[in-house]
Protein backbone atom coordinates (compact mmCIF):
# COMPACT_ATOMS: atom_id res chain seq x y z
CA MET A 1 -86.26 -165.17 -38.00
CA ARG A 2 -86.27 -162.25 -40.37
CA ALA A 3 -84.31 -159.04 -39.83
CA SER A 4 -87.53 -156.96 -39.90
CA GLU A 5 -88.96 -158.92 -36.92
CA ARG A 6 -85.96 -158.36 -34.71
CA GLY A 7 -86.44 -156.42 -31.43
CA VAL A 8 -84.13 -154.02 -29.64
CA THR A 9 -80.89 -155.52 -28.44
CA LEU A 10 -79.53 -155.00 -24.98
CA ILE A 11 -76.64 -152.92 -26.36
CA GLU A 12 -79.01 -150.56 -28.19
CA LEU A 13 -81.09 -150.16 -25.03
CA LEU A 14 -78.02 -149.34 -22.91
CA VAL A 15 -76.74 -146.80 -25.46
CA GLY A 16 -80.15 -145.09 -25.48
CA LEU A 17 -80.27 -144.94 -21.67
CA THR A 18 -76.73 -143.55 -21.55
CA ILE A 19 -77.61 -140.75 -23.97
CA ILE A 20 -80.73 -139.87 -21.97
CA SER A 21 -78.71 -139.90 -18.69
CA PHE A 22 -76.05 -137.55 -20.08
CA THR A 23 -78.71 -135.19 -21.43
CA ALA A 24 -80.57 -135.11 -18.09
CA GLY A 25 -77.30 -134.53 -16.21
CA ALA A 26 -76.39 -131.61 -18.46
CA VAL A 27 -79.81 -130.02 -17.90
CA VAL A 28 -79.58 -130.40 -14.10
CA LEU A 29 -76.03 -129.03 -13.93
CA THR A 30 -76.80 -125.98 -16.07
CA ALA A 31 -80.08 -125.11 -14.31
CA ALA A 32 -80.01 -122.17 -11.92
CA PRO A 33 -79.85 -123.21 -8.27
CA ARG A 34 -82.98 -122.72 -6.17
CA ARG A 35 -82.59 -119.72 -3.88
CA PRO A 36 -83.59 -120.18 -0.23
CA PRO A 37 -86.92 -118.49 0.64
CA ALA A 38 -85.20 -116.51 3.43
CA ARG A 39 -82.84 -114.96 0.87
CA VAL A 40 -85.69 -114.10 -1.48
CA GLU A 41 -87.61 -112.42 1.36
CA ALA A 42 -84.50 -110.55 2.60
CA GLU A 43 -83.73 -109.23 -0.87
CA ARG A 44 -87.35 -108.18 -1.40
CA PHE A 45 -87.34 -106.36 1.97
CA ALA A 46 -84.06 -104.61 1.10
CA ALA A 47 -85.44 -103.44 -2.26
CA ILE A 48 -88.66 -102.13 -0.69
CA VAL A 49 -86.82 -100.22 2.05
CA LYS A 50 -84.30 -98.80 -0.45
CA GLN A 51 -87.11 -97.59 -2.70
CA ALA A 52 -88.95 -96.02 0.25
CA LEU A 53 -85.77 -94.28 1.47
CA ASP A 54 -85.06 -92.94 -2.02
CA GLU A 55 -88.64 -91.72 -2.43
CA ALA A 56 -88.55 -90.03 0.98
CA VAL A 57 -85.32 -88.22 0.17
CA PHE A 58 -86.15 -87.19 -3.40
CA SER A 59 -89.86 -86.40 -3.01
CA GLY A 60 -89.78 -84.95 0.51
CA VAL A 61 -92.72 -87.15 1.50
CA VAL A 62 -92.45 -88.82 4.89
CA HIS A 63 -92.48 -92.62 4.72
CA ARG A 64 -92.40 -95.18 7.49
CA LEU A 65 -91.80 -98.87 7.89
CA GLU A 66 -94.52 -100.63 9.90
CA TRP A 67 -94.14 -104.20 11.13
CA THR A 68 -95.59 -106.85 13.38
CA ALA A 69 -94.29 -110.31 14.16
CA ALA A 70 -95.92 -111.64 10.99
CA ASP A 71 -95.72 -108.90 8.34
CA TYR A 72 -94.35 -105.53 7.27
CA ARG A 73 -95.36 -102.70 4.98
CA ILE A 74 -94.41 -99.19 3.89
CA ALA A 75 -96.76 -96.28 4.62
CA ARG A 76 -96.60 -92.80 3.03
CA ARG A 77 -97.91 -89.57 4.53
CA LYS A 78 -100.24 -88.02 1.95
CA ASP A 79 -102.94 -85.39 2.43
CA GLY A 80 -102.48 -85.51 6.20
CA ARG A 81 -103.13 -89.28 6.45
CA TRP A 82 -101.03 -92.42 6.26
CA ARG A 83 -101.51 -94.44 3.08
CA ARG A 84 -100.45 -98.03 3.67
CA GLU A 85 -99.22 -100.46 1.05
CA ARG A 86 -100.28 -104.08 1.03
CA ALA A 87 -98.65 -106.02 3.87
CA LEU A 88 -95.94 -108.52 2.92
CA GLU A 89 -95.92 -111.75 4.94
CA PRO A 90 -92.64 -113.71 5.03
CA ALA A 91 -94.31 -116.37 7.22
CA ARG A 92 -96.26 -117.57 4.17
CA ARG A 93 -92.96 -118.87 2.80
CA ASN A 94 -91.98 -120.41 6.17
CA VAL A 95 -89.62 -117.54 6.96
CA SER A 96 -89.53 -115.87 10.38
CA PHE A 97 -88.92 -112.13 10.46
CA SER A 98 -87.68 -109.63 13.08
CA ILE A 99 -86.27 -106.11 13.18
CA ALA A 100 -83.77 -104.78 15.72
CA LEU A 101 -82.82 -101.12 16.00
CA ALA A 102 -79.15 -100.25 16.38
CA GLY A 103 -77.48 -98.35 19.20
CA ASP A 104 -78.67 -95.92 21.85
CA ILE A 105 -81.59 -94.80 19.74
CA VAL A 106 -83.66 -97.54 21.39
CA ASP A 107 -83.42 -95.84 24.81
CA ASN A 108 -84.00 -92.41 23.27
CA THR A 109 -87.07 -93.64 21.43
CA GLU A 110 -88.65 -95.00 24.59
CA ALA A 111 -87.91 -91.73 26.42
CA LEU A 112 -89.28 -89.53 23.64
CA ASN A 113 -92.46 -91.57 23.39
CA GLY A 114 -93.13 -91.57 27.12
CA GLY A 115 -92.12 -95.18 27.59
CA GLY A 116 -93.67 -96.28 24.28
CA ARG A 117 -92.54 -99.48 22.63
CA VAL A 118 -89.22 -99.70 20.90
CA GLY A 119 -89.39 -99.00 17.18
CA THR A 120 -91.84 -96.13 17.40
CA PHE A 121 -90.51 -92.68 16.58
CA VAL A 122 -91.81 -89.30 17.62
CA GLY A 123 -93.06 -87.22 14.76
CA PHE A 124 -92.25 -83.89 13.28
CA GLY A 125 -94.69 -81.78 15.25
CA GLY A 126 -98.24 -81.36 14.11
CA PRO A 127 -101.34 -82.68 15.81
CA GLY A 128 -101.23 -85.56 18.24
CA VAL A 129 -98.29 -84.54 20.42
CA GLY A 130 -96.87 -87.65 22.05
CA THR A 131 -98.01 -89.91 19.24
CA PRO A 132 -95.64 -91.41 16.66
CA LEU A 133 -94.84 -89.18 13.69
CA GLY A 134 -97.39 -86.56 14.67
CA GLU A 135 -100.32 -88.93 14.17
CA THR A 136 -103.76 -88.06 15.33
CA PRO A 137 -104.88 -90.07 18.37
CA GLU A 138 -107.17 -92.11 16.09
CA GLU A 139 -104.28 -93.02 13.82
CA ALA A 140 -102.16 -93.93 16.84
CA ASP A 141 -104.89 -96.32 18.02
CA GLU A 142 -104.74 -98.10 14.63
CA THR A 143 -101.04 -98.87 15.10
CA ASP A 144 -101.09 -99.99 18.75
CA ASP A 145 -99.82 -103.49 17.92
CA VAL A 146 -97.55 -102.28 15.09
CA ASP A 147 -93.94 -101.12 15.45
CA VAL A 148 -93.06 -98.07 13.39
CA LEU A 149 -89.77 -96.71 12.04
CA ALA A 150 -89.67 -93.30 10.34
CA LEU A 151 -88.07 -93.01 6.91
CA ASP A 152 -88.14 -89.23 6.72
CA PRO A 153 -86.80 -86.92 3.99
CA LEU A 154 -83.72 -86.12 6.09
CA GLY A 155 -82.70 -89.77 6.18
CA LEU A 156 -82.70 -92.41 8.89
CA ALA A 157 -82.19 -91.45 12.50
CA THR A 158 -80.65 -94.84 13.19
CA GLY A 159 -79.67 -98.01 11.46
CA PHE A 160 -81.49 -101.28 11.90
CA ASP A 161 -81.19 -104.96 11.08
CA ALA A 162 -83.94 -107.15 9.69
CA ARG A 163 -83.44 -110.88 10.18
CA PHE A 164 -85.07 -113.46 7.90
CA GLU A 165 -84.72 -117.02 9.12
CA GLY A 166 -85.71 -120.00 7.01
CA ARG A 167 -85.31 -123.73 7.51
CA ARG A 168 -81.90 -123.95 5.85
CA ALA A 169 -80.47 -120.44 6.03
CA THR A 170 -80.68 -117.09 7.78
CA PHE A 171 -80.17 -113.76 6.03
CA VAL A 172 -79.78 -110.34 7.63
CA VAL A 173 -80.57 -107.03 5.96
CA ILE A 174 -78.35 -104.32 7.46
CA VAL A 175 -79.53 -100.74 6.95
CA ASP A 176 -77.10 -98.13 8.25
CA PRO A 177 -78.01 -94.51 9.13
CA ASN A 178 -76.68 -93.34 5.74
CA GLY A 179 -79.28 -95.48 3.97
CA ASP A 180 -76.78 -98.05 2.68
CA ILE A 181 -78.33 -101.51 2.59
CA GLU A 182 -76.54 -104.84 2.63
CA VAL A 183 -77.90 -108.40 2.62
CA ILE A 184 -75.63 -110.98 4.25
CA ARG A 185 -75.92 -114.64 5.09
CA GLU A 186 -75.60 -115.34 8.78
């Protein structure tokens, strides 16, 4: 047999596989870890609320956080009407979502709104007395199944927690009355 007709020896094959294995291992070990969807959603929520709080304080425009069991959004009061952003849906990434208000404000909210649902805040006067945030009765009808939290230019009236629960991890966004926001793993 001639040297030019020779095939690959077992040793050469093993050396080649070893080099490929080490290269693949180095790539896997240096790659960024995949972040849990619950963390991604919690961080996105924190950024959106922080931006809305900052805009409310610096621009003087009243903002509010609206949410249901499936989604949330920010709305801005402009030209006497609420302008709503596109709803964000954590459930699309298999993440459950809930908001809980902190402290005695829950009882006060219900009393101020005539027994209205928790999460809805009375407005700053204007038309529609007894409706959240001074809405007109028509606007109040649009948000019957939506919980509302005011993000007014004077800051938050209360803190709240938003909980994002995924399959492998749960993250909580803590917003205190001063507007400080923290994302923690539960």
